[in-house]
Amino acid sequence: MNAQEKRVSQSFRSVEGWADSHKDMIPPEAAGQLEVLRGVNERLAQYVIDQEHQVRLRVGGTALLQQLRQELRQNYLVPIAAMARSVVAITPELAVALRVPQVTADDAKVLASANAIANIGDAHKEVLVQHGLAANLVAELRAKAVSFQAAIDDRRQMTSRRVGATKAIKTELKTGRLVVQSLDIAITRVIRAQPALLAEWRNTKRVTIKPVHQAPAPAVTTTSPEQKAA
């Protein structure tokens, strides 16, 4: 929720609070709209929690992906590819398959490389093991690639849930604005003859404006008569 949305949401809560404190000023026809506003405020609070939760989860998911990517390259792709290039007859096709992606390569390229190198490792496992490759290294590579894919899927789901919460917030804010407009019409009709209460209501439903901080004025240097004479 951005700053403007927070201010709008705060105005909704203020309206609900004002209505609870002035129940005798709420006309019967506005009671239903007030309940709708209560629902909007409850759902907004939950959506904001969901949105923030998914943002934090995604940060952790990104860190996990980076860790898994580094482990795949350094501990599996690089050593298996290097061993294969030294002991296996390299055809042009194998040469391409044994290329390890750059650190900045996207997730799809890293996964494709992991699968290709694992396939080569399985196809030439006997000779690779004879030359010192750990017998279970290719199996570990495949397991690590599965973990990497799962982490990618999890982060994608986190993003989808965050987008969903963001969309839901916008929908609730739109509903809330319409409800407050309806309440304003009904309540203003009841309290229009009470200037103080009317001013209080109008201030309550108002969405605060983001303050503008002006830069300090430049210092003015004055010159004394003595300095001028000098």
Protein backbone atom coordinates (compact mmCIF):
# COMPACT_ATOMS: atom_id res chain seq x y z
CA MET A 1 0.00 0.00 0.00
CA ASN A 2 1.50 3.31 -1.06
CA ALA A 3 1.41 6.54 0.95
CA GLN A 4 -1.72 7.92 -0.73
CA GLU A 5 -3.58 4.65 -0.26
CA LYS A 6 -2.61 4.64 3.42
CA ARG A 7 -4.06 8.12 3.85
CA VAL A 8 -7.31 7.09 2.16
CA SER A 9 -7.53 3.99 4.33
CA GLN A 10 -6.92 6.09 7.44
CA SER A 11 -9.79 8.37 6.44
CA PHE A 12 -12.09 5.33 6.23
CA ARG A 13 -11.14 4.29 9.77
CA SER A 14 -11.68 7.85 10.97
CA VAL A 15 -15.17 7.86 9.46
CA GLU A 16 -15.99 4.59 11.18
CA GLY A 17 -14.69 5.93 14.49
CA TRP A 18 -16.68 9.15 14.13
CA ALA A 19 -19.85 7.20 13.39
CA ASP A 20 -19.33 5.02 16.46
CA SER A 21 -18.98 8.16 18.58
CA HIS A 22 -22.06 9.84 17.09
CA LYS A 23 -24.50 6.96 16.71
CA ASP A 24 -27.47 9.26 17.23
CA MET A 25 -26.40 11.23 14.14
CA ILE A 26 -26.47 8.22 11.81
CA PRO A 27 -29.81 8.09 9.96
CA PRO A 28 -31.39 4.63 9.59
CA GLU A 29 -30.87 4.60 5.82
CA ALA A 30 -27.09 4.98 6.35
CA ALA A 31 -26.73 2.05 8.76
CA GLY A 32 -26.22 -0.44 5.96
CA GLN A 33 -23.54 1.65 4.31
CA LEU A 34 -21.74 1.98 7.63
CA GLU A 35 -21.61 -1.81 7.94
CA VAL A 36 -20.21 -2.02 4.43
CA LEU A 37 -17.48 0.41 5.47
CA ARG A 38 -16.66 -1.72 8.50
CA GLY A 39 -16.19 -4.67 6.19
CA VAL A 40 -13.98 -2.62 3.88
CA ASN A 41 -11.77 -1.60 6.81
CA GLU A 42 -11.47 -5.17 8.07
CA ARG A 43 -10.55 -6.54 4.65
CA LEU A 44 -8.11 -3.71 3.97
CA ALA A 45 -6.28 -4.45 7.20
CA GLN A 46 -5.93 -8.12 6.24
CA TYR A 47 -4.89 -7.40 2.66
CA VAL A 48 -2.19 -5.02 3.86
CA ILE A 49 -0.84 -7.75 6.15
CA ASP A 50 -0.91 -10.24 3.27
CA GLN A 51 0.80 -7.81 0.93
CA GLU A 52 3.61 -7.02 3.36
CA HIS A 53 4.02 -10.70 4.24
CA GLN A 54 4.46 -11.66 0.59
CA VAL A 55 6.95 -8.84 0.03
CA ARG A 56 9.08 -10.13 2.89
CA LEU A 57 8.77 -13.73 1.76
CA ARG A 58 9.85 -12.75 -1.74
CA VAL A 59 12.98 -11.08 -0.38
CA GLY A 60 13.84 -14.32 1.39
CA GLY A 61 12.97 -16.33 -1.71
CA THR A 62 15.30 -14.22 -3.82
CA ALA A 63 18.14 -14.76 -1.35
CA LEU A 64 17.52 -18.52 -1.43
CA LEU A 65 17.57 -18.53 -5.24
CA GLN A 66 20.88 -16.72 -5.29
CA GLN A 67 22.34 -19.22 -2.86
CA LEU A 68 21.08 -22.22 -4.84
CA ARG A 69 22.32 -20.70 -8.09
CA GLN A 70 25.79 -20.21 -6.64
CA GLU A 71 25.87 -23.76 -5.28
CA LEU A 72 24.76 -25.20 -8.62
CA ARG A 73 27.48 -23.40 -10.55
CA GLN A 74 30.40 -23.76 -8.17
CA ASN A 75 29.78 -27.18 -6.66
CA TYR A 76 28.22 -29.05 -9.59
CA LEU A 77 28.14 -27.47 -13.04
CA VAL A 78 31.71 -26.18 -13.11
CA PRO A 79 33.47 -29.33 -11.76
CA ILE A 80 31.38 -31.83 -13.74
CA ALA A 81 31.73 -29.87 -16.98
CA ALA A 82 35.47 -29.44 -16.45
CA MET A 83 35.95 -33.15 -15.79
CA ALA A 84 33.85 -34.11 -18.83
CA ARG A 85 35.84 -31.82 -21.14
CA SER A 86 39.08 -33.44 -19.99
CA VAL A 87 38.15 -37.14 -20.24
CA VAL A 88 35.24 -37.41 -22.71
CA ALA A 89 35.52 -37.18 -26.48
CA ILE A 90 34.00 -33.76 -27.09
CA THR A 91 31.76 -33.36 -30.10
CA PRO A 92 30.45 -29.91 -31.13
CA GLU A 93 27.11 -30.86 -29.57
CA LEU A 94 28.73 -31.81 -26.26
CA ALA A 95 30.81 -28.66 -26.27
CA VAL A 96 27.67 -26.56 -26.36
CA ALA A 97 25.93 -28.66 -23.70
CA LEU A 98 28.92 -28.34 -21.34
CA ARG A 99 28.94 -24.54 -21.36
CA VAL A 100 28.29 -23.27 -17.86
CA PRO A 101 26.03 -20.19 -17.79
CA GLN A 102 27.38 -16.86 -16.61
CA VAL A 103 26.63 -15.78 -13.04
CA THR A 104 24.12 -13.27 -14.42
CA ALA A 105 22.26 -15.83 -16.58
CA ASP A 106 18.53 -16.12 -16.02
CA ASP A 107 16.96 -18.99 -14.09
CA ALA A 108 15.83 -20.85 -17.22
CA LYS A 109 19.38 -20.99 -18.62
CA VAL A 110 20.78 -22.25 -15.31
CA LEU A 111 18.17 -25.01 -15.15
CA ALA A 112 18.72 -25.98 -18.78
CA SER A 113 22.45 -26.19 -18.19
CA ALA A 114 21.96 -28.26 -15.04
CA ASN A 115 19.80 -30.78 -16.89
CA ALA A 116 22.15 -30.95 -19.88
CA ILE A 117 25.27 -31.46 -17.77
CA ALA A 118 23.47 -34.02 -15.59
CA ASN A 119 22.51 -35.98 -18.71
CA ILE A 120 26.12 -35.93 -19.90
CA GLY A 121 27.24 -37.01 -16.43
CA ASP A 122 24.91 -39.97 -16.49
CA ALA A 123 25.86 -40.95 -20.04
CA HIS A 124 29.58 -40.93 -19.19
CA LYS A 125 29.37 -41.75 -15.51
CA GLU A 126 31.77 -44.71 -15.60
CA VAL A 127 34.68 -42.85 -17.16
CA LEU A 128 34.04 -39.75 -15.05
CA VAL A 129 34.09 -41.76 -11.83
CA GLN A 130 37.25 -43.55 -12.96
CA HIS A 131 38.93 -40.17 -13.22
CA GLY A 132 37.90 -39.04 -9.75
CA LEU A 133 34.38 -37.66 -10.01
CA ALA A 134 32.31 -38.52 -6.92
CA ALA A 135 29.90 -41.30 -7.78
CA ASN A 136 26.90 -39.47 -6.35
CA LEU A 137 27.73 -35.99 -7.68
CA VAL A 138 25.42 -36.15 -10.70
CA ALA A 139 22.56 -37.38 -8.52
CA GLU A 140 23.21 -34.49 -6.14
CA LEU A 141 23.18 -32.11 -9.11
CA ARG A 142 19.74 -33.33 -10.15
CA ALA A 143 18.43 -32.95 -6.59
CA LYS A 144 19.85 -29.44 -6.38
CA ALA A 145 18.23 -28.56 -9.71
CA VAL A 146 14.87 -29.79 -8.36
CA SER A 147 15.33 -27.56 -5.30
CA PHE A 148 16.18 -24.64 -7.56
CA GLN A 149 13.05 -25.17 -9.65
CA ALA A 150 10.93 -25.41 -6.49
CA ALA A 151 12.39 -22.13 -5.21
CA ILE A 152 11.59 -20.47 -8.55
CA ASP A 153 8.00 -21.73 -8.37
CA ASP A 154 7.62 -20.59 -4.76
CA ARG A 155 8.84 -17.09 -5.55
CA ARG A 156 6.49 -16.89 -8.53
CA GLN A 157 3.58 -17.82 -6.26
CA MET A 158 4.65 -15.19 -3.74
CA THR A 159 4.62 -12.60 -6.51
CA SER A 160 1.17 -13.71 -7.64
CA ARG A 161 -0.22 -13.49 -4.11
CA ARG A 162 1.31 -10.04 -3.62
CA VAL A 163 -0.20 -8.84 -6.90
CA GLY A 164 -3.54 -10.28 -5.82
CA ALA A 165 -3.42 -8.47 -2.48
CA THR A 166 -2.47 -5.22 -4.22
CA LYS A 167 -5.40 -5.55 -6.61
CA ALA A 168 -7.76 -6.35 -3.74
CA ILE A 169 -6.59 -3.24 -1.86
CA LYS A 170 -7.39 -1.04 -4.85
CA THR A 171 -10.83 -2.62 -5.17
CA GLU A 172 -11.62 -2.09 -1.48
CA LEU A 173 -10.43 1.52 -1.63
CA LYS A 174 -12.75 2.16 -4.55
CA THR A 175 -15.66 0.63 -2.64
CA GLY A 176 -14.77 2.61 0.45
CA ARG A 177 -14.75 5.91 -1.43
CA LEU A 178 -18.25 5.27 -2.76
CA VAL A 179 -19.50 4.31 0.70
CA VAL A 180 -18.06 7.43 2.31
CA GLN A 181 -19.69 9.56 -0.38
CA SER A 182 -23.06 7.97 0.44
CA LEU A 183 -22.51 8.44 4.17
CA ASP A 184 -21.52 12.05 3.61
CA ILE A 185 -24.80 12.81 1.86
CA ALA A 186 -26.87 11.16 4.59
CA ILE A 187 -24.96 12.53 7.58
CA THR A 188 -24.59 16.05 6.22
CA ARG A 189 -28.36 16.23 5.79
CA VAL A 190 -28.80 15.42 9.49
CA ILE A 191 -26.15 17.78 10.94
CA ARG A 192 -26.20 20.63 8.44
CA ALA A 193 -27.77 22.95 11.06
CA GLN A 194 -24.92 22.29 13.53
CA PRO A 195 -21.85 24.14 12.16
CA ALA A 196 -19.38 22.82 14.72
CA LEU A 197 -20.41 19.20 14.25
CA LEU A 198 -20.52 19.62 10.48
CA ALA A 199 -16.97 21.00 10.47
CA GLU A 200 -15.87 18.07 12.65
CA TRP A 201 -17.45 15.57 10.24
CA ARG A 202 -15.91 17.19 7.17
CA ASN A 203 -12.47 17.13 8.75
CA THR A 204 -12.94 13.49 9.76
CA LYS A 205 -13.76 12.25 6.28
CA ARG A 206 -11.09 14.37 4.62
CA VAL A 207 -8.09 12.57 3.16
CA THR A 208 -5.01 14.29 4.50
CA ILE A 209 -2.66 15.85 1.99
CA LYS A 210 0.98 14.84 1.99
CA PRO A 211 2.92 17.68 3.64
CA VAL A 212 5.34 19.59 1.47
CA HIS A 213 8.60 20.45 3.17
CA GLN A 214 9.97 23.69 1.83
CA ALA A 215 13.69 24.20 1.59
CA PRO A 216 15.04 26.69 4.15
CA ALA A 217 15.45 30.22 2.86
CA PRO A 218 19.04 31.22 2.10
CA ALA A 219 20.75 33.20 4.81
CA VAL A 220 20.81 36.96 4.21
CA THR A 221 24.12 38.63 4.89
CA THR A 222 23.85 42.18 6.15
CA THR A 223 26.60 44.73 5.90
CA SER A 224 27.08 47.23 8.73
CA PRO A 225 27.74 50.95 7.99
CA GLU A 226 31.28 50.51 9.31
CA GLN A 227 31.95 47.70 6.81
CA LYS A 228 30.55 49.81 3.96
CA ALA A 229 32.78 52.72 4.93
CA ALA A 230 35.79 50.45 5.01
